Amino acid sequence: MNQEFIDFLQQLVDTSQIVIDRPKGSMHPWFPGKEYPVDYGYLEGTTSIDSSGVDVWVGSLGKHKIVGVLCTVDLLKRDTELKILLDCSDEEIRLIQNFVNDRDMRAIFINF
């Protein structure tokens, strides 16, 4: 993995406020019964492909360190996106992958 890319991504996280708009245990707004397994939000003041903030999953490790990214393809929205995984344990990564790889979306995890 390109260390410069990882460092730039970490700098983006370190210089942004994390907004958790879908806390762990909350329900997905469009898919009833689908519960978020880990805190999910975005980096305030950033822009992603869908014109909202860069998405971030925040786990329980508490180190403020990126552990990897999810590269997603969403056939419903017809887009692709990069989602940052911050402070996620191996179990949390597994839960996130199960959550995301459902219905019309697929993702691959790139581990840092």
N, C-alpha and C. Protein backbone atom coordinates (compact mmCIF):
# COMPACT_ATOMS: atom_id res chain seq x y z
N MET A 1 0.85 -1.18 0.00
CA MET A 1 0.00 0.00 0.00
C MET A 1 0.89 1.24 0.00
N ASN A 2 0.48 2.25 -0.68
CA ASN A 2 1.22 3.50 -0.78
C ASN A 2 1.10 4.28 0.53
N GLN A 3 2.21 4.40 1.26
CA GLN A 3 2.20 5.06 2.57
C GLN A 3 1.80 6.53 2.46
N GLU A 4 2.21 7.19 1.38
CA GLU A 4 1.85 8.61 1.21
C GLU A 4 0.33 8.78 1.13
N PHE A 5 -0.35 7.88 0.42
CA PHE A 5 -1.82 7.93 0.35
C PHE A 5 -2.43 7.76 1.73
N ILE A 6 -1.94 6.77 2.48
CA ILE A 6 -2.44 6.52 3.83
C ILE A 6 -2.22 7.74 4.72
N ASP A 7 -1.04 8.34 4.63
CA ASP A 7 -0.74 9.53 5.44
C ASP A 7 -1.66 10.69 5.09
N PHE A 8 -1.93 10.89 3.80
CA PHE A 8 -2.84 11.96 3.38
C PHE A 8 -4.25 11.71 3.90
N LEU A 9 -4.70 10.47 3.82
CA LEU A 9 -6.03 10.13 4.31
C LEU A 9 -6.11 10.34 5.82
N GLN A 10 -5.07 9.94 6.54
CA GLN A 10 -5.04 10.15 8.00
C GLN A 10 -5.04 11.65 8.32
N GLN A 11 -4.33 12.44 7.52
CA GLN A 11 -4.32 13.89 7.73
C GLN A 11 -5.71 14.48 7.52
N LEU A 12 -6.44 13.97 6.53
CA LEU A 12 -7.81 14.43 6.31
C LEU A 12 -8.67 14.16 7.54
N VAL A 13 -8.53 12.97 8.12
CA VAL A 13 -9.28 12.62 9.34
C VAL A 13 -8.84 13.51 10.50
N ASP A 14 -7.53 13.67 10.66
CA ASP A 14 -7.00 14.42 11.80
C ASP A 14 -7.37 15.89 11.78
N THR A 15 -7.66 16.43 10.61
CA THR A 15 -7.98 17.86 10.49
C THR A 15 -9.47 18.10 10.26
N SER A 16 -10.28 17.07 10.48
CA SER A 16 -11.73 17.19 10.27
C SER A 16 -12.47 16.79 11.55
N GLN A 17 -13.61 17.42 11.75
CA GLN A 17 -14.48 16.99 12.84
C GLN A 17 -15.31 15.81 12.35
N ILE A 18 -15.38 14.76 13.16
CA ILE A 18 -16.19 13.59 12.82
C ILE A 18 -17.60 13.81 13.35
N VAL A 19 -18.56 13.70 12.46
CA VAL A 19 -19.97 13.84 12.83
C VAL A 19 -20.60 12.45 12.73
N ILE A 20 -21.09 11.93 13.85
CA ILE A 20 -21.78 10.63 13.86
C ILE A 20 -23.27 10.91 13.75
N ASP A 21 -23.83 10.66 12.58
CA ASP A 21 -25.26 10.89 12.39
C ASP A 21 -26.07 9.60 12.43
N ARG A 22 -25.38 8.46 12.50
CA ARG A 22 -26.06 7.17 12.62
C ARG A 22 -25.28 6.33 13.65
N PRO A 23 -25.60 6.53 14.92
CA PRO A 23 -24.87 5.80 15.96
C PRO A 23 -25.12 4.30 15.92
N LYS A 24 -24.18 3.56 16.47
CA LYS A 24 -24.32 2.11 16.59
C LYS A 24 -25.68 1.78 17.20
N GLY A 25 -26.40 0.84 16.59
CA GLY A 25 -27.71 0.44 17.08
C GLY A 25 -28.87 1.18 16.44
N SER A 26 -28.59 2.29 15.73
CA SER A 26 -29.68 3.02 15.08
C SER A 26 -30.08 2.28 13.80
N MET A 27 -31.27 2.58 13.33
CA MET A 27 -31.81 1.91 12.15
C MET A 27 -31.52 2.72 10.89
N HIS A 28 -31.29 2.01 9.80
CA HIS A 28 -31.05 2.64 8.51
C HIS A 28 -32.31 3.41 8.10
N PRO A 29 -32.14 4.63 7.58
CA PRO A 29 -33.32 5.45 7.26
C PRO A 29 -34.16 4.91 6.10
N TRP A 30 -33.59 4.12 5.20
CA TRP A 30 -34.33 3.64 4.03
C TRP A 30 -34.66 2.17 4.08
N PHE A 31 -33.98 1.42 4.96
CA PHE A 31 -34.19 -0.03 5.03
C PHE A 31 -34.58 -0.42 6.46
N PRO A 32 -35.87 -0.44 6.77
CA PRO A 32 -36.33 -0.77 8.13
C PRO A 32 -35.77 -2.12 8.60
N GLY A 33 -35.39 -2.16 9.85
CA GLY A 33 -34.87 -3.39 10.44
C GLY A 33 -33.37 -3.58 10.24
N LYS A 34 -32.74 -2.71 9.46
CA LYS A 34 -31.30 -2.81 9.22
C LYS A 34 -30.58 -1.90 10.22
N GLU A 35 -29.90 -2.53 11.17
CA GLU A 35 -29.29 -1.82 12.30
C GLU A 35 -27.79 -1.58 12.07
N TYR A 36 -27.35 -0.36 12.33
CA TYR A 36 -25.93 -0.03 12.19
C TYR A 36 -25.13 -0.74 13.27
N PRO A 37 -24.10 -1.53 12.87
CA PRO A 37 -23.33 -2.30 13.83
C PRO A 37 -22.22 -1.50 14.52
N VAL A 38 -21.87 -0.35 13.95
CA VAL A 38 -20.78 0.50 14.42
C VAL A 38 -21.21 1.94 14.13
N ASP A 39 -20.70 2.90 14.89
CA ASP A 39 -21.00 4.31 14.62
C ASP A 39 -20.63 4.66 13.18
N TYR A 40 -21.52 5.43 12.53
CA TYR A 40 -21.33 5.80 11.13
C TYR A 40 -21.63 7.28 10.97
N GLY A 41 -20.78 7.94 10.22
CA GLY A 41 -20.99 9.37 10.00
C GLY A 41 -20.14 9.88 8.85
N TYR A 42 -19.66 11.10 9.02
CA TYR A 42 -18.90 11.73 7.94
C TYR A 42 -17.91 12.72 8.51
N LEU A 43 -16.98 13.14 7.67
CA LEU A 43 -16.02 14.15 8.05
C LEU A 43 -16.56 15.51 7.64
N GLU A 44 -16.81 16.36 8.62
CA GLU A 44 -17.38 17.68 8.34
C GLU A 44 -16.41 18.51 7.49
N GLY A 45 -16.96 19.23 6.53
CA GLY A 45 -16.15 20.10 5.68
C GLY A 45 -15.45 19.37 4.55
N THR A 46 -15.85 18.12 4.28
CA THR A 46 -15.29 17.35 3.18
C THR A 46 -16.39 17.06 2.17
N THR A 47 -16.00 16.60 0.99
CA THR A 47 -16.98 16.28 -0.04
C THR A 47 -16.63 14.94 -0.67
N SER A 48 -17.64 14.09 -0.79
CA SER A 48 -17.49 12.79 -1.42
C SER A 48 -18.23 12.80 -2.76
N ILE A 49 -18.24 11.69 -3.43
CA ILE A 49 -18.84 11.58 -4.76
C ILE A 49 -20.33 11.94 -4.75
N ASP A 50 -21.02 11.68 -3.61
CA ASP A 50 -22.45 11.97 -3.53
C ASP A 50 -22.74 13.38 -3.02
N SER A 51 -21.72 14.23 -3.02
CA SER A 51 -21.81 15.64 -2.61
C SER A 51 -22.02 15.84 -1.12
N SER A 52 -21.98 14.77 -0.34
CA SER A 52 -22.02 14.93 1.11
C SER A 52 -20.61 14.68 1.64
N GLY A 53 -20.45 14.72 2.96
CA GLY A 53 -19.13 14.52 3.54
C GLY A 53 -18.58 13.13 3.31
N VAL A 54 -17.26 12.99 3.42
CA VAL A 54 -16.60 11.70 3.29
C VAL A 54 -17.08 10.80 4.43
N ASP A 55 -17.58 9.61 4.08
CA ASP A 55 -18.14 8.68 5.06
C ASP A 55 -17.05 8.05 5.91
N VAL A 56 -17.40 7.82 7.18
CA VAL A 56 -16.46 7.20 8.10
C VAL A 56 -17.22 6.28 9.06
N TRP A 57 -16.68 5.08 9.24
CA TRP A 57 -17.15 4.14 10.25
C TRP A 57 -16.18 4.27 11.42
N VAL A 58 -16.69 4.46 12.64
CA VAL A 58 -15.83 4.65 13.81
C VAL A 58 -16.05 3.52 14.80
N GLY A 59 -15.01 2.73 14.99
CA GLY A 59 -15.07 1.58 15.88
C GLY A 59 -14.68 1.91 17.30
N SER A 60 -14.32 0.88 18.05
CA SER A 60 -14.14 1.00 19.50
C SER A 60 -12.69 1.04 19.97
N LEU A 61 -11.71 1.00 19.06
CA LEU A 61 -10.32 0.89 19.49
C LEU A 61 -9.77 2.16 20.14
N GLY A 62 -10.31 3.33 19.79
CA GLY A 62 -9.93 4.57 20.45
C GLY A 62 -8.54 5.09 20.17
N LYS A 63 -7.94 4.70 19.05
CA LYS A 63 -6.59 5.15 18.72
C LYS A 63 -6.58 6.29 17.71
N HIS A 64 -7.75 6.63 17.17
CA HIS A 64 -7.89 7.66 16.13
C HIS A 64 -7.00 7.34 14.93
N LYS A 65 -7.02 6.07 14.52
CA LYS A 65 -6.17 5.61 13.43
C LYS A 65 -7.01 4.89 12.37
N ILE A 66 -6.74 5.22 11.12
CA ILE A 66 -7.41 4.55 10.02
C ILE A 66 -6.87 3.13 9.92
N VAL A 67 -7.79 2.16 9.85
CA VAL A 67 -7.39 0.76 9.70
C VAL A 67 -7.57 0.27 8.27
N GLY A 68 -8.29 1.04 7.46
CA GLY A 68 -8.51 0.68 6.07
C GLY A 68 -9.64 1.47 5.47
N VAL A 69 -10.01 1.11 4.26
CA VAL A 69 -11.13 1.75 3.57
C VAL A 69 -11.99 0.68 2.92
N LEU A 70 -13.25 1.03 2.73
CA LEU A 70 -14.16 0.22 1.91
C LEU A 70 -14.34 0.93 0.59
N CYS A 71 -14.17 0.22 -0.49
CA CYS A 71 -14.48 0.73 -1.82
C CYS A 71 -15.82 0.12 -2.20
N THR A 72 -16.83 0.96 -2.40
CA THR A 72 -18.18 0.47 -2.62
C THR A 72 -18.67 0.74 -4.04
N VAL A 73 -19.56 -0.14 -4.48
CA VAL A 73 -20.32 0.04 -5.71
C VAL A 73 -21.79 -0.09 -5.32
N ASP A 74 -22.56 0.95 -5.59
CA ASP A 74 -23.98 0.98 -5.23
C ASP A 74 -24.80 1.03 -6.52
N LEU A 75 -25.46 -0.08 -6.84
CA LEU A 75 -26.26 -0.13 -8.07
C LEU A 75 -27.53 0.68 -7.96
N LEU A 76 -28.07 0.84 -6.75
CA LEU A 76 -29.28 1.63 -6.55
C LEU A 76 -28.99 3.12 -6.81
N LYS A 77 -27.93 3.64 -6.20
CA LYS A 77 -27.54 5.04 -6.40
C LYS A 77 -26.70 5.22 -7.66
N ARG A 78 -26.21 4.11 -8.22
CA ARG A 78 -25.37 4.12 -9.41
C ARG A 78 -24.11 4.95 -9.19
N ASP A 79 -23.40 4.65 -8.07
CA ASP A 79 -22.16 5.35 -7.79
C ASP A 79 -21.15 4.43 -7.13
N THR A 80 -19.96 4.95 -6.98
CA THR A 80 -18.90 4.28 -6.23
C THR A 80 -18.43 5.27 -5.18
N GLU A 81 -17.86 4.73 -4.10
CA GLU A 81 -17.47 5.62 -3.02
C GLU A 81 -16.38 4.95 -2.18
N LEU A 82 -15.61 5.80 -1.51
CA LEU A 82 -14.60 5.35 -0.57
C LEU A 82 -15.09 5.69 0.83
N LYS A 83 -15.11 4.69 1.72
CA LYS A 83 -15.56 4.89 3.10
C LYS A 83 -14.41 4.54 4.03
N ILE A 84 -14.09 5.44 4.94
CA ILE A 84 -12.96 5.27 5.85
C ILE A 84 -13.39 4.45 7.06
N LEU A 85 -12.55 3.50 7.47
CA LEU A 85 -12.77 2.74 8.70
C LEU A 85 -11.74 3.21 9.71
N LEU A 86 -12.21 3.75 10.81
CA LEU A 86 -11.37 4.36 11.84
C LEU A 86 -11.56 3.59 13.14
N ASP A 87 -10.46 3.15 13.74
CA ASP A 87 -10.51 2.50 15.06
C ASP A 87 -11.37 1.24 15.11
N CYS A 88 -11.44 0.51 14.02
CA CYS A 88 -12.28 -0.69 13.97
C CYS A 88 -11.47 -1.96 14.27
N SER A 89 -12.03 -2.79 15.11
CA SER A 89 -11.44 -4.11 15.39
C SER A 89 -11.76 -5.05 14.23
N ASP A 90 -11.12 -6.20 14.21
CA ASP A 90 -11.40 -7.19 13.17
C ASP A 90 -12.88 -7.59 13.16
N GLU A 91 -13.47 -7.75 14.34
CA GLU A 91 -14.89 -8.11 14.43
C GLU A 91 -15.78 -6.99 13.90
N GLU A 92 -15.44 -5.74 14.23
CA GLU A 92 -16.22 -4.61 13.72
C GLU A 92 -16.11 -4.51 12.20
N ILE A 93 -14.93 -4.78 11.66
CA ILE A 93 -14.75 -4.77 10.20
C ILE A 93 -15.65 -5.83 9.57
N ARG A 94 -15.69 -7.01 10.15
CA ARG A 94 -16.55 -8.07 9.64
C ARG A 94 -18.02 -7.65 9.67
N LEU A 95 -18.46 -7.05 10.78
CA LEU A 95 -19.85 -6.60 10.90
C LEU A 95 -20.18 -5.51 9.88
N ILE A 96 -19.25 -4.60 9.66
CA ILE A 96 -19.46 -3.53 8.68
C ILE A 96 -19.57 -4.12 7.27
N GLN A 97 -18.68 -5.06 6.95
CA GLN A 97 -18.74 -5.69 5.62
C GLN A 97 -20.07 -6.41 5.42
N ASN A 98 -20.55 -7.10 6.43
CA ASN A 98 -21.86 -7.76 6.33
C ASN A 98 -22.98 -6.75 6.13
N PHE A 99 -22.89 -5.62 6.81
CA PHE A 99 -23.90 -4.57 6.71
C PHE A 99 -23.91 -3.97 5.30
N VAL A 100 -22.73 -3.68 4.77
CA VAL A 100 -22.62 -2.99 3.48
C VAL A 100 -22.90 -3.93 2.31
N ASN A 101 -22.43 -5.15 2.37
CA ASN A 101 -22.60 -6.10 1.26
C ASN A 101 -23.99 -6.73 1.31
N ASP A 102 -24.98 -5.90 1.06
CA ASP A 102 -26.38 -6.30 1.16
C ASP A 102 -27.17 -5.57 0.09
N ARG A 103 -28.19 -6.18 -0.37
CA ARG A 103 -29.09 -5.59 -1.37
C ARG A 103 -28.32 -5.19 -2.62
N ASP A 104 -28.32 -3.88 -2.94
CA ASP A 104 -27.75 -3.40 -4.20
C ASP A 104 -26.34 -2.84 -4.06
N MET A 105 -25.66 -3.11 -2.93
CA MET A 105 -24.32 -2.57 -2.73
C MET A 105 -23.34 -3.71 -2.47
N ARG A 106 -22.12 -3.52 -2.99
CA ARG A 106 -21.02 -4.42 -2.70
C ARG A 106 -19.79 -3.59 -2.39
N ALA A 107 -18.94 -4.15 -1.53
CA ALA A 107 -17.73 -3.44 -1.11
C ALA A 107 -16.58 -4.39 -0.92
N ILE A 108 -15.39 -3.88 -1.14
CA ILE A 108 -14.19 -4.61 -0.77
C ILE A 108 -13.46 -3.79 0.28
N PHE A 109 -12.83 -4.48 1.21
CA PHE A 109 -12.08 -3.84 2.29
C PHE A 109 -10.60 -3.86 1.93
N ILE A 110 -9.97 -2.69 2.01
CA ILE A 110 -8.53 -2.58 1.82
C ILE A 110 -7.93 -2.26 3.18
N ASN A 111 -7.15 -3.19 3.68
CA ASN A 111 -6.57 -3.09 5.02
C ASN A 111 -5.28 -2.29 4.99
N PHE A 112 -5.14 -1.37 5.93
CA PHE A 112 -3.90 -0.60 6.06
C PHE A 112 -3.05 -1.21 7.16
